[in-house]
Amino acid sequence: MRSLSINDADFAQKFRRIVEDRRESGSDVAGQVASILRDVRSRGDDVLVELTQRFDQHTLSSDSDWSITPGECKAAFDGLDTGLRDALQLAADRIRTYHEAQLPEDRDYTDDAGVRLGARWQAVDAAGLYVPGGRAAYPSSLLMNAIPAKVAGVKRLAVVTPTPKGAVNPLVLAAAHIAGIDEIWRVGGAHAVGALAYGTGRIKRVDVITGPGNAFVAEAKRQLFGVVGIDMVAGPSEILVIADGNNDPDWIAADLLSQAEHDPSAQSILITDDEAFSRQVEDRIDVQSSMLATKSVAQKSWQDHGVIIVVDELAQSIALANELAAEHVELAVEDPSPLFDGIRHAGSIFIGRHAPEAVGDYVAGPNHVLPTGRRARFSSGLSVLDFMKRSSFIELDEAALRAIGPAAISLAEAEGLPAHAKSIESRLK
């Protein structure tokens, strides 16, 4: 864990190293993924059989080995404790309501020249959703990916998820039932992403692939962008907590550990204007992390990538936060409004002492699939727009063409494209 003061002589240099720290996997992963994708494209299902056996010790032979039925998902839902069923349903309802408000409106108007112009939004035909398996099996991620796709109007949702030694997570199946998923394939890893992008004998290709995964899944999505659309290339999780000294240090320690426990490469950063409080938080992290079932992961993340920055005044945290462009930003301060107004780059912002990031992972409503690796500078969290595309349209009658066509002819001739000019000019004679 690194501890910095904004008054350190070398603060700018140390902070720049934190900003530029790349915690994603390197070129060795890229090469392995490229080889896997080539194999999937050329040999299809045979590669899925081989790699699923190798990585998951699961044999793909009969239909039941390949896929999970809607009936199995309903049975998993029915078998849940009532409290868990209600929690999943509450999460689904809030996610759906939030994303319904994101639906864009079509445009259709006629301008002063008599030209009809507009744009029409339509959902993609098919989307593929990657759902991690094993230790990182999260029903919340399935809801966060599937519900926006459904709200957007996607007709076919194909889920791929690894089932190590044939084991499935009943919570994930229950979430699939709530979300209305009817196509779930028992494959994971880069080869599953390749199957969604290229199509195989059993799995039909999709138009967009979303969902979190390990370094191989993220790299496969990166390499396949252009063959299909993707939500983003997600790296290890991040949280930035800006907190004053009036917080309960146990709260802030738990917030920082909530991301550290995801991955040894996750990063948790605290910015505070109270040095004594920073030491209290550090002490509570040591105590709390020692009692977690995820102790080994959380402690390694905090030791290797954790950061505490002490500033003279909280206003200084705004520039630092915009440089970090973190996935999650908490504003645990007395008056969060000035900070909220100043922060331009963040995946999602949690305002006030009673808005922990963890509530956004489950039931708040906004999507928890967010840009990492400082990509919040130029990208946004998953939304219905990731499952939609916009087609513009143009309609002219003869009068409208006469009004604007001559200018187009002049530009076409200036660009040395006579056929462009003639296609307009011939209609004006």
Protein backbone atom coordinates (compact mmCIF):
# COMPACT_ATOMS: atom_id res chain seq x y z
CA MET A 1 0.00 0.00 0.00
CA ARG A 2 1.34 3.41 -0.98
CA SER A 3 0.75 6.46 1.21
CA LEU A 4 1.23 9.88 -0.36
CA SER A 5 0.87 13.48 0.74
CA ILE A 6 0.07 16.18 -1.74
CA ASN A 7 2.91 18.15 -0.14
CA ASP A 8 5.56 15.52 -0.90
CA ALA A 9 8.29 16.94 -3.12
CA ASP A 10 7.88 14.05 -5.54
CA PHE A 11 4.07 13.80 -5.27
CA ALA A 12 3.41 14.62 -8.93
CA GLN A 13 5.80 11.90 -10.09
CA LYS A 14 4.38 9.27 -7.72
CA PHE A 15 0.79 10.16 -8.56
CA ARG A 16 1.54 9.96 -12.29
CA ARG A 17 2.80 6.40 -11.80
CA ILE A 18 -0.49 5.50 -10.09
CA VAL A 19 -2.51 7.03 -12.92
CA GLU A 20 -0.48 5.22 -15.56
CA ASP A 21 -0.36 1.90 -13.72
CA ARG A 22 -1.55 -0.81 -16.09
CA ARG A 23 -2.99 -3.76 -14.22
CA GLU A 24 -4.33 -5.58 -17.27
CA SER A 25 -2.68 -8.69 -18.70
CA GLY A 26 0.15 -8.41 -21.18
CA SER A 27 1.09 -9.65 -24.61
CA ASP A 28 1.31 -13.31 -23.58
CA VAL A 29 -2.46 -13.36 -23.05
CA ALA A 30 -3.03 -11.58 -26.36
CA GLY A 31 -1.08 -14.23 -28.26
CA GLN A 32 -2.87 -17.14 -26.62
CA VAL A 33 -6.27 -15.57 -27.27
CA ALA A 34 -5.47 -14.90 -30.92
CA SER A 35 -4.60 -18.58 -31.37
CA ILE A 36 -7.81 -19.71 -29.66
CA LEU A 37 -9.96 -17.44 -31.81
CA ARG A 38 -8.33 -18.71 -35.01
CA ASP A 39 -9.11 -22.27 -33.95
CA VAL A 40 -12.73 -21.46 -33.11
CA ARG A 41 -13.22 -19.76 -36.46
CA SER A 42 -11.82 -22.71 -38.39
CA ARG A 43 -12.97 -25.71 -36.32
CA GLY A 44 -16.02 -24.44 -34.42
CA ASP A 45 -17.66 -26.86 -32.00
CA ASP A 46 -14.69 -29.23 -31.95
CA VAL A 47 -12.57 -26.54 -30.30
CA LEU A 48 -15.28 -25.82 -27.75
CA VAL A 49 -15.38 -29.50 -26.81
CA GLU A 50 -11.59 -29.70 -26.43
CA LEU A 51 -11.12 -26.49 -24.44
CA THR A 52 -14.15 -26.98 -22.21
CA GLN A 53 -12.78 -30.38 -21.23
CA ARG A 54 -9.31 -28.92 -20.63
CA PHE A 55 -10.28 -25.83 -18.64
CA ASP A 56 -13.56 -26.84 -16.98
CA GLN A 57 -13.31 -30.64 -16.85
CA HIS A 58 -16.76 -30.73 -18.42
CA THR A 59 -17.56 -33.01 -21.36
CA LEU A 60 -19.76 -31.61 -24.11
CA SER A 61 -21.56 -34.50 -25.76
CA SER A 62 -25.35 -34.66 -25.35
CA ASP A 63 -27.66 -31.65 -25.60
CA SER A 64 -27.89 -31.43 -21.80
CA ASP A 65 -24.10 -31.20 -21.60
CA TRP A 66 -24.13 -28.26 -23.99
CA SER A 67 -26.99 -26.15 -22.75
CA ILE A 68 -29.23 -25.29 -19.80
CA THR A 69 -32.97 -25.21 -20.39
CA PRO A 70 -35.50 -22.56 -19.28
CA GLY A 71 -37.10 -25.29 -17.17
CA GLU A 72 -33.87 -25.75 -15.21
CA CYS A 73 -33.70 -21.99 -14.64
CA LYS A 74 -37.27 -21.89 -13.34
CA ALA A 75 -36.59 -24.82 -11.04
CA ALA A 76 -33.56 -23.00 -9.63
CA PHE A 77 -35.68 -19.90 -9.06
CA ASP A 78 -38.44 -21.87 -7.36
CA GLY A 79 -35.90 -23.58 -5.12
CA LEU A 80 -34.46 -20.36 -3.73
CA ASP A 81 -35.11 -19.05 -0.27
CA THR A 82 -37.96 -16.52 -0.39
CA GLY A 83 -35.68 -13.72 0.77
CA LEU A 84 -33.24 -14.35 -2.09
CA ARG A 85 -36.04 -14.55 -4.64
CA ASP A 86 -37.40 -11.24 -3.43
CA ALA A 87 -33.93 -9.65 -3.48
CA LEU A 88 -33.31 -10.77 -7.06
CA GLN A 89 -36.75 -9.54 -8.11
CA LEU A 90 -36.22 -6.17 -6.44
CA ALA A 91 -32.88 -5.78 -8.19
CA ALA A 92 -34.39 -6.74 -11.54
CA ASP A 93 -37.30 -4.32 -11.16
CA ARG A 94 -35.06 -1.39 -10.25
CA ILE A 95 -32.59 -2.15 -13.06
CA ARG A 96 -35.45 -2.37 -15.56
CA THR A 97 -37.05 0.90 -14.44
CA TYR A 98 -33.75 2.79 -14.64
CA HIS A 99 -32.88 1.47 -18.08
CA GLU A 100 -36.35 2.04 -19.52
CA ALA A 101 -35.73 5.74 -18.95
CA GLN A 102 -32.64 5.50 -21.20
CA LEU A 103 -34.57 4.53 -24.33
CA PRO A 104 -33.82 7.11 -27.04
CA GLU A 105 -36.46 8.84 -29.14
CA ASP A 106 -36.62 8.75 -32.93
CA ARG A 107 -36.41 12.04 -34.83
CA ASP A 108 -38.42 12.99 -37.93
CA TYR A 109 -38.72 16.56 -39.22
CA THR A 110 -38.63 18.69 -42.37
CA ASP A 111 -36.22 21.62 -42.47
CA ASP A 112 -36.54 25.03 -44.14
CA ALA A 113 -35.21 23.69 -47.45
CA GLY A 114 -37.99 21.10 -47.58
CA VAL A 115 -35.67 18.17 -46.78
CA ARG A 116 -37.10 15.49 -44.54
CA LEU A 117 -34.49 14.32 -42.04
CA GLY A 118 -34.40 12.09 -39.04
CA ALA A 119 -33.02 9.08 -37.24
CA ARG A 120 -34.53 5.78 -36.22
CA TRP A 121 -33.30 3.64 -33.34
CA GLN A 122 -33.56 -0.14 -33.53
CA ALA A 123 -32.26 -3.01 -31.42
CA VAL A 124 -29.66 -5.42 -32.73
CA ASP A 125 -31.02 -8.82 -33.74
CA ALA A 126 -28.98 -10.86 -31.27
CA ALA A 127 -26.75 -10.25 -28.26
CA GLY A 128 -24.33 -12.55 -26.47
CA LEU A 129 -23.90 -12.22 -22.73
CA TYR A 130 -20.84 -13.55 -20.97
CA VAL A 131 -21.50 -14.67 -17.38
CA PRO A 132 -18.48 -15.78 -15.34
CA GLY A 133 -18.61 -19.15 -13.59
CA GLY A 134 -16.85 -20.77 -10.68
CA ARG A 135 -15.78 -18.45 -7.84
CA ALA A 136 -16.84 -15.37 -9.81
CA ALA A 137 -20.42 -16.45 -10.54
CA TYR A 138 -22.51 -13.33 -10.11
CA PRO A 139 -26.28 -13.34 -10.73
CA SER A 140 -26.22 -9.55 -10.45
CA SER A 141 -24.04 -9.34 -13.57
CA LEU A 142 -26.50 -11.44 -15.54
CA LEU A 143 -29.32 -9.05 -14.58
CA MET A 144 -27.20 -6.00 -15.38
CA ASN A 145 -26.45 -7.30 -18.87
CA ALA A 146 -29.66 -9.07 -19.81
CA ILE A 147 -32.24 -6.54 -18.65
CA PRO A 148 -30.91 -3.57 -20.70
CA ALA A 149 -30.83 -5.85 -23.74
CA LYS A 150 -34.44 -6.86 -23.18
CA VAL A 151 -35.47 -3.24 -22.61
CA ALA A 152 -33.72 -2.28 -25.86
CA GLY A 153 -35.83 -4.87 -27.70
CA VAL A 154 -33.23 -7.54 -28.50
CA LYS A 155 -35.10 -10.67 -29.58
CA ARG A 156 -32.37 -13.26 -29.04
CA LEU A 157 -30.11 -13.33 -25.98
CA ALA A 158 -27.46 -16.06 -25.91
CA VAL A 159 -25.71 -16.55 -22.58
CA VAL A 160 -22.39 -18.36 -22.32
CA THR A 161 -21.14 -19.42 -18.90
CA PRO A 162 -18.55 -21.98 -17.80
CA THR A 163 -19.78 -24.83 -15.60
CA PRO A 164 -16.66 -26.31 -13.95
CA LYS A 165 -17.07 -30.09 -13.60
CA GLY A 166 -20.67 -29.57 -14.68
CA ALA A 167 -21.56 -27.46 -11.65
CA VAL A 168 -23.96 -24.55 -12.11
CA ASN A 169 -24.72 -21.68 -9.77
CA PRO A 170 -28.46 -21.79 -8.90
CA LEU A 171 -28.53 -18.04 -8.30
CA VAL A 172 -27.29 -17.42 -11.83
CA LEU A 173 -29.97 -19.74 -13.22
CA ALA A 174 -32.61 -18.00 -11.10
CA ALA A 175 -31.47 -14.63 -12.44
CA ALA A 176 -31.69 -16.02 -15.98
CA HIS A 177 -35.29 -17.02 -15.29
CA ILE A 178 -36.18 -13.52 -14.03
CA ALA A 179 -34.48 -11.91 -17.03
CA GLY A 180 -36.26 -14.18 -19.51
CA ILE A 181 -33.17 -15.88 -20.93
CA ASP A 182 -33.94 -18.97 -23.01
CA GLU A 183 -30.52 -19.83 -24.49
CA ILE A 184 -27.67 -20.70 -22.10
CA TRP A 185 -24.52 -22.50 -23.26
CA ARG A 186 -22.17 -24.34 -20.90
CA VAL A 187 -18.98 -22.87 -22.33
CA GLY A 188 -16.71 -20.10 -21.08
CA GLY A 189 -13.39 -18.41 -21.72
CA ALA A 190 -12.06 -16.83 -24.88
CA HIS A 191 -13.39 -19.74 -26.95
CA ALA A 192 -16.95 -18.99 -25.83
CA VAL A 193 -16.56 -15.35 -26.89
CA GLY A 194 -15.22 -16.53 -30.24
CA ALA A 195 -18.21 -18.85 -30.68
CA LEU A 196 -20.61 -15.94 -30.13
CA ALA A 197 -18.74 -13.75 -32.59
CA TYR A 198 -18.14 -16.24 -35.41
CA GLY A 199 -20.88 -18.79 -34.81
CA THR A 200 -20.37 -22.56 -34.69
CA GLY A 201 -22.46 -25.58 -35.59
CA ARG A 202 -24.47 -25.27 -32.38
CA ILE A 203 -24.13 -21.62 -31.39
CA LYS A 204 -25.40 -18.98 -33.81
CA ARG A 205 -23.43 -15.77 -34.11
CA VAL A 206 -24.56 -12.57 -32.40
CA ASP A 207 -24.20 -8.87 -33.15
CA VAL A 208 -23.05 -7.57 -29.75
CA ILE A 209 -21.17 -9.23 -26.88
CA THR A 210 -21.27 -7.84 -23.34
CA GLY A 211 -20.41 -9.00 -19.87
CA PRO A 212 -17.42 -9.28 -17.51
CA GLY A 213 -14.82 -12.01 -17.50
CA ASN A 214 -11.18 -12.79 -16.78
CA ALA A 215 -8.20 -11.45 -18.72
CA PHE A 216 -8.73 -13.96 -21.55
CA VAL A 217 -12.38 -12.99 -21.97
CA ALA A 218 -11.54 -9.27 -21.97
CA GLU A 219 -8.80 -9.80 -24.54
CA ALA A 220 -11.06 -11.89 -26.76
CA LYS A 221 -13.64 -9.10 -26.78
CA ARG A 222 -10.94 -6.56 -27.61
CA GLN A 223 -9.66 -8.63 -30.55
CA LEU A 224 -13.19 -9.29 -31.86
CA PHE A 225 -14.35 -5.68 -31.80
CA GLY A 226 -15.36 -4.93 -35.37
CA VAL A 227 -16.48 -8.49 -36.01
CA VAL A 228 -19.09 -7.78 -33.33
CA GLY A 229 -19.90 -4.82 -31.12
CA ILE A 230 -18.77 -4.99 -27.51
CA ASP A 231 -19.68 -3.10 -24.37
CA MET A 232 -16.10 -2.36 -23.31
CA VAL A 233 -12.75 -3.96 -22.52
CA ALA A 234 -13.01 -4.31 -18.76
CA GLY A 235 -9.96 -4.60 -16.55
CA PRO A 236 -9.58 -5.10 -12.81
CA SER A 237 -12.10 -3.23 -10.66
CA GLU A 238 -11.35 0.17 -9.08
CA ILE A 239 -12.77 2.36 -6.33
CA LEU A 240 -11.82 5.89 -5.32
CA VAL A 241 -13.22 7.06 -1.98
CA ILE A 242 -13.01 10.76 -1.14
CA ALA A 243 -13.71 11.06 2.57
CA ASP A 244 -13.40 13.65 5.31
CA GLY A 245 -12.42 12.85 8.89
CA ASN A 246 -16.01 12.79 10.15
CA ASN A 247 -16.69 9.33 8.70
CA ASP A 248 -16.70 6.08 10.60
CA PRO A 249 -13.36 4.53 9.59
CA ASP A 250 -14.98 1.08 9.61
CA TRP A 251 -17.39 2.20 6.86
CA ILE A 252 -14.64 3.53 4.63
CA ALA A 253 -12.42 0.49 5.22
CA ALA A 254 -15.29 -1.79 4.17
CA ASP A 255 -15.88 0.31 1.05
CA LEU A 256 -12.25 0.01 0.00
CA LEU A 257 -12.23 -3.74 0.64
CA SER A 258 -15.46 -4.19 -1.33
CA GLN A 259 -13.45 -3.79 -4.52
CA ALA A 260 -10.17 -5.25 -3.28
CA GLU A 261 -11.87 -8.61 -2.72
CA HIS A 262 -12.78 -8.88 -6.41
CA ASP A 263 -9.30 -9.48 -7.76
CA PRO A 264 -5.66 -9.32 -6.63
CA SER A 265 -5.20 -6.70 -9.36
CA ALA A 266 -8.13 -4.54 -8.22
CA GLN A 267 -7.28 -1.09 -6.91
CA SER A 268 -8.71 0.82 -3.93
CA ILE A 269 -7.74 4.46 -3.37
CA LEU A 270 -8.61 6.78 -0.46
CA ILE A 271 -8.24 10.56 -0.67
CA THR A 272 -8.77 12.42 2.61
CA ASP A 273 -7.88 15.75 4.19
CA ASP A 274 -7.34 14.14 7.60
CA GLU A 275 -4.08 12.26 8.13
CA ALA A 276 -5.13 10.79 11.48
CA PHE A 277 -8.32 9.46 9.87
CA SER A 278 -6.29 7.85 7.08
CA ARG A 279 -4.31 5.89 9.67
CA GLN A 280 -7.54 4.79 11.35
CA VAL A 281 -8.88 3.51 8.01
CA GLU A 282 -5.64 1.66 7.34
CA ASP A 283 -5.85 -0.03 10.74
CA ARG A 284 -9.48 -1.06 10.17
CA ILE A 285 -8.60 -2.50 6.76
CA ASP A 286 -6.02 -4.73 8.45
CA VAL A 287 -8.62 -5.91 10.98
CA GLN A 288 -11.54 -6.36 8.58
CA SER A 289 -9.54 -8.03 5.81
CA SER A 290 -8.23 -10.66 8.24
CA MET A 291 -11.82 -11.79 8.89
CA LEU A 292 -12.98 -12.01 5.26
CA ALA A 293 -13.57 -15.28 3.44
CA THR A 294 -11.89 -13.42 0.55
CA LYS A 295 -8.93 -12.53 2.77
CA SER A 296 -6.13 -13.69 0.47
CA VAL A 297 -7.44 -11.78 -2.54
CA ALA A 298 -8.41 -8.61 -0.66
CA GLN A 299 -5.14 -8.35 1.24
CA LYS A 300 -3.00 -8.88 -1.85
CA SER A 301 -4.97 -6.25 -3.77
CA TRP A 302 -4.59 -3.73 -0.93
CA GLN A 303 -0.91 -4.48 -0.38
CA ASP A 304 0.01 -4.36 -4.07
CA HIS A 305 -2.29 -1.66 -5.42
CA GLY A 306 -3.91 0.19 -2.50
CA VAL A 307 -3.23 3.91 -2.18
CA ILE A 308 -3.93 6.57 0.48
CA ILE A 309 -3.51 10.21 -0.51
CA VAL A 310 -3.66 13.01 2.05
CA VAL A 311 -4.57 16.46 0.73
CA ASP A 312 -4.69 19.84 2.47
CA GLU A 313 -8.30 20.46 1.47
CA LEU A 314 -10.92 18.31 -0.23
CA ALA A 315 -11.20 20.69 -3.19
CA GLN A 316 -7.78 19.38 -4.28
CA SER A 317 -9.29 15.93 -4.75
CA ILE A 318 -11.29 17.05 -7.80
CA ALA A 319 -8.27 17.33 -10.10
CA LEU A 320 -6.86 14.07 -8.75
CA ALA A 321 -10.16 12.26 -9.30
CA ASN A 322 -10.39 13.51 -12.88
CA GLU A 323 -6.87 12.25 -13.56
CA LEU A 324 -7.67 8.84 -12.07
CA ALA A 325 -11.02 8.56 -13.94
CA ALA A 326 -11.94 5.66 -11.68
CA GLU A 327 -14.65 3.07 -12.25
CA HIS A 328 -16.37 3.93 -8.93
CA VAL A 329 -16.07 7.20 -7.01
CA GLU A 330 -17.55 7.68 -3.54
CA LEU A 331 -18.03 11.16 -2.09
CA ALA A 332 -18.27 10.47 1.66
CA VAL A 333 -18.10 14.08 2.80
CA GLU A 334 -20.26 16.59 4.65
CA ASP A 335 -21.14 18.59 1.52
CA PRO A 336 -20.61 16.46 -1.60
CA SER A 337 -22.17 18.93 -4.07
CA PRO A 338 -18.98 20.92 -4.94
CA LEU A 339 -17.05 17.71 -5.53
CA PHE A 340 -19.85 16.17 -7.56
CA ASP A 341 -20.06 19.29 -9.73
CA GLY A 342 -16.31 19.20 -10.41
CA ILE A 343 -15.80 15.52 -11.20
CA ARG A 344 -15.99 14.97 -14.96
CA HIS A 345 -14.45 11.53 -15.36
CA ALA A 346 -15.92 8.59 -13.44
CA GLY A 347 -17.80 5.42 -14.28
CA SER A 348 -20.36 5.94 -11.52
CA ILE A 349 -20.48 8.41 -8.63
CA PHE A 350 -21.91 7.63 -5.19
CA ILE A 351 -22.96 10.76 -3.32
CA GLY A 352 -22.95 11.08 0.46
CA ARG A 353 -22.01 8.98 3.46
CA HIS A 354 -24.92 6.55 3.04
CA ALA A 355 -24.27 5.65 -0.61
CA PRO A 356 -21.70 2.81 -0.56
CA GLU A 357 -20.57 1.52 -3.93
CA ALA A 358 -21.83 -1.96 -3.07
CA VAL A 359 -25.46 -0.84 -3.27
CA GLY A 360 -24.82 0.08 -6.90
CA ASP A 361 -23.59 -3.44 -7.59
CA TYR A 362 -27.02 -4.85 -6.81
CA VAL A 363 -30.17 -2.84 -6.31
CA ALA A 364 -29.72 0.89 -6.98
CA GLY A 365 -30.68 0.62 -10.66
CA PRO A 366 -27.81 2.09 -12.76
CA ASN A 367 -25.61 -0.47 -14.44
CA HIS A 368 -22.62 -1.88 -12.60
CA VAL A 369 -20.80 -2.76 -15.83
CA LEU A 370 -18.51 0.30 -15.92
CA PRO A 371 -15.32 1.48 -17.64
CA THR A 372 -12.07 0.61 -15.86
CA GLY A 373 -8.42 1.39 -16.51
CA ARG A 374 -9.06 5.16 -16.70
CA ARG A 375 -11.40 4.62 -19.67
CA ALA A 376 -14.08 6.70 -17.95
CA ARG A 377 -12.31 9.62 -19.67
CA PHE A 378 -14.01 8.61 -22.92
CA SER A 379 -16.56 5.86 -22.27
CA SER A 380 -19.66 5.13 -20.20
CA GLY A 381 -21.28 2.28 -18.33
CA LEU A 382 -23.42 -0.34 -20.05
CA SER A 383 -26.81 0.97 -21.18
CA VAL A 384 -29.65 0.15 -23.55
CA LEU A 385 -27.72 2.06 -26.24
CA ASP A 386 -25.10 -0.70 -26.30
CA PHE A 387 -27.80 -2.99 -27.72
CA MET A 388 -29.16 -0.50 -30.25
CA LYS A 389 -28.02 1.29 -33.39
CA ARG A 390 -29.22 4.41 -35.13
CA SER A 391 -30.07 4.75 -38.82
CA SER A 392 -30.41 8.23 -40.22
CA PHE A 393 -32.81 8.91 -43.12
CA ILE A 394 -33.11 11.60 -45.77
CA GLU A 395 -36.03 12.33 -48.10
CA LEU A 396 -36.05 15.02 -50.82
CA ASP A 397 -38.50 16.01 -53.47
CA GLU A 398 -37.42 17.90 -56.60
CA ALA A 399 -37.76 21.31 -54.98
CA ALA A 400 -35.65 20.28 -52.01
CA LEU A 401 -32.95 18.86 -54.28
CA ARG A 402 -32.87 22.11 -56.26
CA ALA A 403 -32.45 24.03 -53.01
CA ILE A 404 -29.37 22.19 -51.71
CA GLY A 405 -28.11 20.13 -54.68
CA PRO A 406 -25.97 22.82 -56.39
CA ALA A 407 -23.82 23.18 -53.27
CA ALA A 408 -23.26 19.42 -53.21
CA ILE A 409 -22.27 19.49 -56.89
CA SER A 410 -19.68 22.20 -56.20
CA LEU A 411 -18.18 20.21 -53.32
CA ALA A 412 -18.10 16.97 -55.33
CA GLU A 413 -16.29 18.69 -58.22
CA ALA A 414 -13.83 20.28 -55.80
CA GLU A 415 -13.06 16.85 -54.38
CA GLY A 416 -12.49 15.40 -57.85
CA LEU A 417 -15.47 13.05 -57.76
CA PRO A 418 -17.38 13.68 -61.02
CA ALA A 419 -19.77 10.73 -60.65
CA HIS A 420 -20.95 12.17 -57.35
CA ALA A 421 -21.64 15.49 -59.05
CA LYS A 422 -23.39 13.85 -62.02
CA SER A 423 -25.73 11.78 -59.81
CA ILE A 424 -27.13 15.07 -58.49
CA GLU A 425 -26.76 17.20 -61.61
CA SER A 426 -28.65 14.76 -63.85
CA ARG A 427 -31.73 15.14 -61.63
CA LEU A 428 -31.64 18.92 -61.88
CA LYS A 429 -31.66 19.25 -65.68
